[in-house]
Amino acid sequence: MESTQRHRPYEDVLAIILGSTCAALGLALYHHAQILIGSTAGMALLVTYLTGWSFGPVFFVVNLPFYWLAWRRIGHHFTFKTFAAVALLSWISWMLPDWLRIGEVDPLFAALAGGSLIGLGVLFLFRHRGSLGGFNILAVYLQDKYGWRAGKVQMALDTLIMLAAFFVLPVSNVLYSILGAVVLSAILTINHRPGLYTGVSQS
């Protein structure tokens, strides 16, 4: 039987860097195409579209309330990795306009390529017991406290983000956003299954 190997610290660091960078590039495509994603990234994009504020700092601030829940529910290792990933993604997103000039982006391409990049970024982090924060932490907490099913809570919160988008974005952009969400979910569903990947993070 194949033995389970733990991730070394440098492997976790590399995963955080790669995951945050992939997600930041995907979100940059979303931002330039004016489409949306669920969870706290979607909240931050909505605020950015409404105010013109930079996405990176907004995303960092929006995630702050979730770290306490993550610490209590999942543990300090997960919380530290999640904080590092969110902070790095926020910084890359803030600096990206100085590093990369993006012109016109077709929303269909943004939905497909951006959703794929974000999905790969989240996959890197999931496999090293980290995340990009967001509603999944709140969903698990509410399930533990009130018995609400985490999956349904997550879906309801993401649906609210998409519904709010109808008041901010054209209908076609919201439909492209839904397509991007399907692509992202497909990448995670296909590639993040029990038994498919045996590495575990050091605790």
C-alpha atoms as a PDB file:
ATOM      1  CA  MET A   1       0.000   0.000   0.000  1.00  0.00           C
ATOM      2  CA  GLU A   2       1.293   3.460  -0.877  1.00  0.00           C
ATOM      3  CA  SER A   3       2.340   5.392   2.209  1.00  0.00           C
ATOM      4  CA  THR A   4       0.903   8.825   2.816  1.00  0.00           C
ATOM      5  CA  GLN A   5       3.576  11.539   2.706  1.00  0.00           C
ATOM      6  CA  ARG A   6       3.300  14.855   4.431  1.00  0.00           C
ATOM      7  CA  HIS A   7       3.999  18.093   2.640  1.00  0.00           C
ATOM      8  CA  ARG A   8       7.243  19.786   3.559  1.00  0.00           C
ATOM      9  CA  PRO A   9       7.057  23.454   4.586  1.00  0.00           C
ATOM     10  CA  TYR A  10       8.661  24.651   1.349  1.00  0.00           C
ATOM     11  CA  GLU A  11       6.039  22.688  -0.607  1.00  0.00           C
ATOM     12  CA  ASP A  12       3.275  24.486   1.287  1.00  0.00           C
ATOM     13  CA  VAL A  13       4.952  27.844   0.605  1.00  0.00           C
ATOM     14  CA  LEU A  14       5.267  27.032  -3.098  1.00  0.00           C
ATOM     15  CA  ALA A  15       1.605  25.986  -3.251  1.00  0.00           C
ATOM     16  CA  ILE A  16       0.514  29.260  -1.628  1.00  0.00           C
ATOM     17  CA  ILE A  17       2.601  31.267  -4.119  1.00  0.00           C
ATOM     18  CA  LEU A  18       1.388  29.329  -7.167  1.00  0.00           C
ATOM     19  CA  GLY A  19      -2.230  29.189  -5.994  1.00  0.00           C
ATOM     20  CA  SER A  20      -2.425  32.885  -5.179  1.00  0.00           C
ATOM     21  CA  THR A  21      -0.724  33.870  -8.443  1.00  0.00           C
ATOM     22  CA  CYS A  22      -3.037  31.720 -10.596  1.00  0.00           C
ATOM     23  CA  ALA A  23      -6.098  33.055  -8.814  1.00  0.00           C
ATOM     24  CA  ALA A  24      -4.879  36.659  -9.098  1.00  0.00           C
ATOM     25  CA  LEU A  25      -4.397  36.290 -12.863  1.00  0.00           C
ATOM     26  CA  GLY A  26      -7.849  34.741 -13.228  1.00  0.00           C
ATOM     27  CA  LEU A  27      -9.451  37.503 -11.189  1.00  0.00           C
ATOM     28  CA  ALA A  28      -7.628  40.107 -13.284  1.00  0.00           C
ATOM     29  CA  LEU A  29      -9.309  38.659 -16.393  1.00  0.00           C
ATOM     30  CA  TYR A  30     -12.651  38.745 -14.578  1.00  0.00           C
ATOM     31  CA  HIS A  31     -12.090  42.347 -13.538  1.00  0.00           C
ATOM     32  CA  HIS A  32     -11.192  43.544 -17.037  1.00  0.00           C
ATOM     33  CA  ALA A  33     -14.162  41.720 -18.554  1.00  0.00           C
ATOM     34  CA  GLN A  34     -16.480  43.034 -15.799  1.00  0.00           C
ATOM     35  CA  ILE A  35     -17.724  39.617 -14.744  1.00  0.00           C
ATOM     36  CA  LEU A  36     -18.120  38.106 -11.312  1.00  0.00           C
ATOM     37  CA  ILE A  37     -17.327  35.164  -9.068  1.00  0.00           C
ATOM     38  CA  GLY A  38     -18.996  33.952  -5.881  1.00  0.00           C
ATOM     39  CA  SER A  39     -17.824  34.166  -2.266  1.00  0.00           C
ATOM     40  CA  THR A  40     -15.801  37.066  -0.840  1.00  0.00           C
ATOM     41  CA  ALA A  41     -13.969  37.571  -4.141  1.00  0.00           C
ATOM     42  CA  GLY A  42     -17.359  38.317  -5.695  1.00  0.00           C
ATOM     43  CA  MET A  43     -18.184  40.754  -2.903  1.00  0.00           C
ATOM     44  CA  ALA A  44     -14.849  42.504  -3.445  1.00  0.00           C
ATOM     45  CA  LEU A  45     -15.398  42.693  -7.213  1.00  0.00           C
ATOM     46  CA  LEU A  46     -18.871  44.183  -6.696  1.00  0.00           C
ATOM     47  CA  VAL A  47     -17.419  46.839  -4.396  1.00  0.00           C
ATOM     48  CA  THR A  48     -14.688  47.511  -6.962  1.00  0.00           C
ATOM     49  CA  TYR A  49     -17.209  47.883  -9.802  1.00  0.00           C
ATOM     50  CA  LEU A  50     -19.357  50.235  -7.726  1.00  0.00           C
ATOM     51  CA  THR A  51     -16.606  52.400  -6.229  1.00  0.00           C
ATOM     52  CA  GLY A  52     -13.572  52.078  -8.491  1.00  0.00           C
ATOM     53  CA  TRP A  53     -11.444  51.038  -5.499  1.00  0.00           C
ATOM     54  CA  SER A  54      -8.587  48.621  -6.101  1.00  0.00           C
ATOM     55  CA  PHE A  55      -9.662  44.978  -5.819  1.00  0.00           C
ATOM     56  CA  GLY A  56      -6.653  43.802  -3.777  1.00  0.00           C
ATOM     57  CA  PRO A  57      -7.147  45.910  -0.621  1.00  0.00           C
ATOM     58  CA  VAL A  58     -10.932  45.419  -0.751  1.00  0.00           C
ATOM     59  CA  PHE A  59     -10.533  41.627  -0.977  1.00  0.00           C
ATOM     60  CA  PHE A  60      -8.120  41.638   1.975  1.00  0.00           C
ATOM     61  CA  VAL A  61     -10.499  43.657   4.175  1.00  0.00           C
ATOM     62  CA  VAL A  62     -13.607  41.655   3.209  1.00  0.00           C
ATOM     63  CA  ASN A  63     -11.910  38.446   4.362  1.00  0.00           C
ATOM     64  CA  LEU A  64     -10.854  39.734   7.791  1.00  0.00           C
ATOM     65  CA  PRO A  65     -13.987  38.604   9.711  1.00  0.00           C
ATOM     66  CA  PHE A  66     -13.591  35.015   8.493  1.00  0.00           C
ATOM     67  CA  TYR A  67     -10.209  34.306  10.096  1.00  0.00           C
ATOM     68  CA  TRP A  68     -11.693  34.095  13.586  1.00  0.00           C
ATOM     69  CA  LEU A  69     -14.170  31.483  12.356  1.00  0.00           C
ATOM     70  CA  ALA A  70     -11.408  29.583  10.577  1.00  0.00           C
ATOM     71  CA  TRP A  71      -9.255  29.537  13.736  1.00  0.00           C
ATOM     72  CA  ARG A  72     -12.118  28.228  15.869  1.00  0.00           C
ATOM     73  CA  ARG A  73     -13.533  25.741  13.394  1.00  0.00           C
ATOM     74  CA  ILE A  74     -10.561  24.397  11.401  1.00  0.00           C
ATOM     75  CA  GLY A  75      -7.400  25.284  13.322  1.00  0.00           C
ATOM     76  CA  HIS A  76      -4.450  27.626  13.277  1.00  0.00           C
ATOM     77  CA  HIS A  77      -2.462  25.912  10.500  1.00  0.00           C
ATOM     78  CA  PHE A  78      -5.328  26.304   8.036  1.00  0.00           C
ATOM     79  CA  THR A  79      -5.906  29.876   9.218  1.00  0.00           C
ATOM     80  CA  PHE A  80      -2.258  30.898   8.787  1.00  0.00           C
ATOM     81  CA  LYS A  81      -2.108  29.407   5.284  1.00  0.00           C
ATOM     82  CA  THR A  82      -5.396  31.028   4.311  1.00  0.00           C
ATOM     83  CA  PHE A  83      -4.284  34.408   5.658  1.00  0.00           C
ATOM     84  CA  ALA A  84      -0.997  34.128   3.740  1.00  0.00           C
ATOM     85  CA  ALA A  85      -2.801  33.177   0.511  1.00  0.00           C
ATOM     86  CA  VAL A  86      -5.353  36.000   0.811  1.00  0.00           C
ATOM     87  CA  ALA A  87      -2.655  38.543   1.679  1.00  0.00           C
ATOM     88  CA  LEU A  88      -0.471  37.441  -1.238  1.00  0.00           C
ATOM     89  CA  LEU A  89      -3.368  37.432  -3.720  1.00  0.00           C
ATOM     90  CA  SER A  90      -4.402  40.888  -2.501  1.00  0.00           C
ATOM     91  CA  TRP A  91      -0.873  42.221  -2.954  1.00  0.00           C
ATOM     92  CA  ILE A  92      -0.439  40.679  -6.417  1.00  0.00           C
ATOM     93  CA  SER A  93      -3.824  42.051  -7.507  1.00  0.00           C
ATOM     94  CA  TRP A  94      -2.864  45.491  -6.200  1.00  0.00           C
ATOM     95  CA  MET A  95       0.492  45.470  -8.016  1.00  0.00           C
ATOM     96  CA  LEU A  96      -0.638  43.710 -11.197  1.00  0.00           C
ATOM     97  CA  PRO A  97      -1.634  46.896 -13.111  1.00  0.00           C
ATOM     98  CA  ASP A  98       2.023  47.995 -12.842  1.00  0.00           C
ATOM     99  CA  TRP A  99       3.302  44.625 -14.044  1.00  0.00           C
ATOM    100  CA  LEU A 100       0.795  43.689 -16.729  1.00  0.00           C
ATOM    101  CA  ARG A 101      -1.200  45.811 -19.154  1.00  0.00           C
ATOM    102  CA  ILE A 102      -4.413  44.104 -20.246  1.00  0.00           C
ATOM    103  CA  GLY A 103      -6.431  45.637 -23.056  1.00  0.00           C
ATOM    104  CA  GLU A 104      -9.854  44.477 -24.175  1.00  0.00           C
ATOM    105  CA  VAL A 105     -10.844  41.027 -22.885  1.00  0.00           C
ATOM    106  CA  ASP A 106     -13.662  39.006 -24.426  1.00  0.00           C
ATOM    107  CA  PRO A 107     -16.003  38.004 -21.557  1.00  0.00           C
ATOM    108  CA  LEU A 108     -16.363  34.443 -22.871  1.00  0.00           C
ATOM    109  CA  PHE A 109     -12.586  33.999 -22.825  1.00  0.00           C
ATOM    110  CA  ALA A 110     -12.420  35.611 -19.377  1.00  0.00           C
ATOM    111  CA  ALA A 111     -15.082  33.242 -18.050  1.00  0.00           C
ATOM    112  CA  LEU A 112     -13.335  30.142 -19.422  1.00  0.00           C
ATOM    113  CA  ALA A 113      -9.679  31.070 -18.869  1.00  0.00           C
ATOM    114  CA  GLY A 114     -10.271  33.089 -15.703  1.00  0.00           C
ATOM    115  CA  GLY A 115     -12.475  30.412 -14.172  1.00  0.00           C
ATOM    116  CA  SER A 116      -9.829  27.799 -15.002  1.00  0.00           C
ATOM    117  CA  LEU A 117      -7.001  29.833 -13.465  1.00  0.00           C
ATOM    118  CA  ILE A 118      -8.983  30.529 -10.302  1.00  0.00           C
ATOM    119  CA  GLY A 119      -9.979  26.860 -10.085  1.00  0.00           C
ATOM    120  CA  LEU A 120      -6.349  25.767 -10.399  1.00  0.00           C
ATOM    121  CA  GLY A 121      -5.323  28.303  -7.763  1.00  0.00           C
ATOM    122  CA  VAL A 122      -7.948  27.095  -5.313  1.00  0.00           C
ATOM    123  CA  LEU A 123      -6.978  23.494  -6.081  1.00  0.00           C
ATOM    124  CA  PHE A 124      -3.328  24.205  -5.187  1.00  0.00           C
ATOM    125  CA  LEU A 125      -4.449  25.623  -1.853  1.00  0.00           C
ATOM    126  CA  PHE A 126      -7.019  22.927  -1.043  1.00  0.00           C
ATOM    127  CA  ARG A 127      -4.409  20.220  -1.548  1.00  0.00           C
ATOM    128  CA  HIS A 128      -2.164  21.943   0.999  1.00  0.00           C
ATOM    129  CA  ARG A 129      -4.968  22.610   3.496  1.00  0.00           C
ATOM    130  CA  GLY A 130      -5.405  26.270   2.752  1.00  0.00           C
ATOM    131  CA  SER A 131      -7.989  28.398   0.972  1.00  0.00           C
ATOM    132  CA  LEU A 132      -8.781  31.874  -0.267  1.00  0.00           C
ATOM    133  CA  GLY A 133     -11.066  32.467   2.703  1.00  0.00           C
ATOM    134  CA  GLY A 134     -14.658  33.267   1.984  1.00  0.00           C
ATOM    135  CA  PHE A 135     -18.068  31.821   2.560  1.00  0.00           C
ATOM    136  CA  ASN A 136     -17.006  28.171   2.876  1.00  0.00           C
ATOM    137  CA  ILE A 137     -15.631  28.929   6.341  1.00  0.00           C
ATOM    138  CA  LEU A 138     -18.873  30.657   7.368  1.00  0.00           C
ATOM    139  CA  ALA A 139     -20.927  27.802   5.899  1.00  0.00           C
ATOM    140  CA  VAL A 140     -19.079  25.188   7.947  1.00  0.00           C
ATOM    141  CA  TYR A 141     -19.417  27.309  11.088  1.00  0.00           C
ATOM    142  CA  LEU A 142     -23.185  27.734  10.629  1.00  0.00           C
ATOM    143  CA  GLN A 143     -23.535  24.014  10.013  1.00  0.00           C
ATOM    144  CA  ASP A 144     -21.807  23.258  13.308  1.00  0.00           C
ATOM    145  CA  LYS A 145     -23.698  25.899  15.277  1.00  0.00           C
ATOM    146  CA  TYR A 146     -27.203  25.653  13.831  1.00  0.00           C
ATOM    147  CA  GLY A 147     -27.233  22.422  11.827  1.00  0.00           C
ATOM    148  CA  TRP A 148     -27.642  24.226   8.505  1.00  0.00           C
ATOM    149  CA  ARG A 149     -26.161  22.216   5.651  1.00  0.00           C
ATOM    150  CA  ALA A 150     -22.876  23.802   4.603  1.00  0.00           C
ATOM    151  CA  GLY A 151     -23.376  23.116   0.898  1.00  0.00           C
ATOM    152  CA  LYS A 152     -26.780  24.776   0.853  1.00  0.00           C
ATOM    153  CA  VAL A 153     -25.522  27.758   2.854  1.00  0.00           C
ATOM    154  CA  GLN A 154     -22.599  28.198   0.456  1.00  0.00           C
ATOM    155  CA  MET A 155     -24.931  27.969  -2.551  1.00  0.00           C
ATOM    156  CA  ALA A 156     -27.389  30.457  -1.039  1.00  0.00           C
ATOM    157  CA  LEU A 157     -24.655  33.011  -0.300  1.00  0.00           C
ATOM    158  CA  ASP A 158     -23.111  32.683  -3.761  1.00  0.00           C
ATOM    159  CA  THR A 159     -26.587  32.995  -5.303  1.00  0.00           C
ATOM    160  CA  LEU A 160     -27.112  36.258  -3.421  1.00  0.00           C
ATOM    161  CA  ILE A 161     -23.859  37.584  -4.888  1.00  0.00           C
ATOM    162  CA  MET A 162     -24.992  36.679  -8.404  1.00  0.00           C
ATOM    163  CA  LEU A 163     -28.429  38.224  -7.838  1.00  0.00           C
ATOM    164  CA  ALA A 164     -26.814  41.423  -6.597  1.00  0.00           C
ATOM    165  CA  ALA A 165     -24.749  41.459  -9.791  1.00  0.00           C
ATOM    166  CA  PHE A 166     -27.932  42.011 -11.837  1.00  0.00           C
ATOM    167  CA  PHE A 167     -28.164  45.484 -10.261  1.00  0.00           C
ATOM    168  CA  VAL A 168     -24.561  46.319 -11.165  1.00  0.00           C
ATOM    169  CA  LEU A 169     -23.670  44.482 -14.398  1.00  0.00           C
ATOM    170  CA  PRO A 170     -25.378  43.807 -17.735  1.00  0.00           C
ATOM    171  CA  VAL A 171     -27.347  40.553 -17.858  1.00  0.00           C
ATOM    172  CA  SER A 172     -24.916  39.084 -20.389  1.00  0.00           C
ATOM    173  CA  ASN A 173     -22.011  39.653 -17.987  1.00  0.00           C
ATOM    174  CA  VAL A 174     -23.869  37.874 -15.202  1.00  0.00           C
ATOM    175  CA  LEU A 175     -24.481  34.910 -17.524  1.00  0.00           C
ATOM    176  CA  TYR A 176     -20.767  34.802 -18.356  1.00  0.00           C
ATOM    177  CA  SER A 177     -20.115  34.904 -14.613  1.00  0.00           C
ATOM    178  CA  ILE A 178     -22.298  31.836 -14.130  1.00  0.00           C
ATOM    179  CA  LEU A 179     -20.375  30.064 -16.894  1.00  0.00           C
ATOM    180  CA  GLY A 180     -17.100  30.885 -15.147  1.00  0.00           C
ATOM    181  CA  ALA A 181     -18.484  29.490 -11.891  1.00  0.00           C
ATOM    182  CA  VAL A 182     -19.376  26.240 -13.678  1.00  0.00           C
ATOM    183  CA  VAL A 183     -15.832  25.961 -15.075  1.00  0.00           C
ATOM    184  CA  LEU A 184     -14.296  26.612 -11.664  1.00  0.00           C
ATOM    185  CA  SER A 185     -16.560  24.066  -9.964  1.00  0.00           C
ATOM    186  CA  ALA A 186     -15.825  21.466 -12.641  1.00  0.00           C
ATOM    187  CA  ILE A 187     -12.077  21.780 -12.100  1.00  0.00           C
ATOM    188  CA  LEU A 188     -12.467  21.285  -8.360  1.00  0.00           C
ATOM    189  CA  THR A 189     -14.980  18.444  -8.730  1.00  0.00           C
ATOM    190  CA  ILE A 190     -12.832  16.507 -11.189  1.00  0.00           C
ATOM    191  CA  ASN A 191      -9.476  17.067  -9.518  1.00  0.00           C
ATOM    192  CA  HIS A 192     -10.218  17.305  -5.789  1.00  0.00           C
ATOM    193  CA  ARG A 193     -11.651  13.919  -4.813  1.00  0.00           C
ATOM    194  CA  PRO A 194     -10.879  11.652  -1.846  1.00  0.00           C
ATOM    195  CA  GLY A 195      -8.158   9.167  -2.717  1.00  0.00           C
ATOM    196  CA  LEU A 196      -7.100  11.000  -5.868  1.00  0.00           C
ATOM    197  CA  TYR A 197      -4.313  12.896  -4.123  1.00  0.00           C
ATOM    198  CA  THR A 198      -2.566  11.485  -1.091  1.00  0.00           C
ATOM    199  CA  GLY A 199      -0.338  14.316   0.135  1.00  0.00           C
ATOM    200  CA  VAL A 200      -1.202  15.822   3.474  1.00  0.00           C
ATOM    201  CA  SER A 201       0.122  18.952   5.102  1.00  0.00           C
ATOM    202  CA  GLN A 202       2.321  18.812   8.156  1.00  0.00           C
ATOM    203  CA  SER A 203       0.554  19.763  11.333  1.00  0.00           C
END
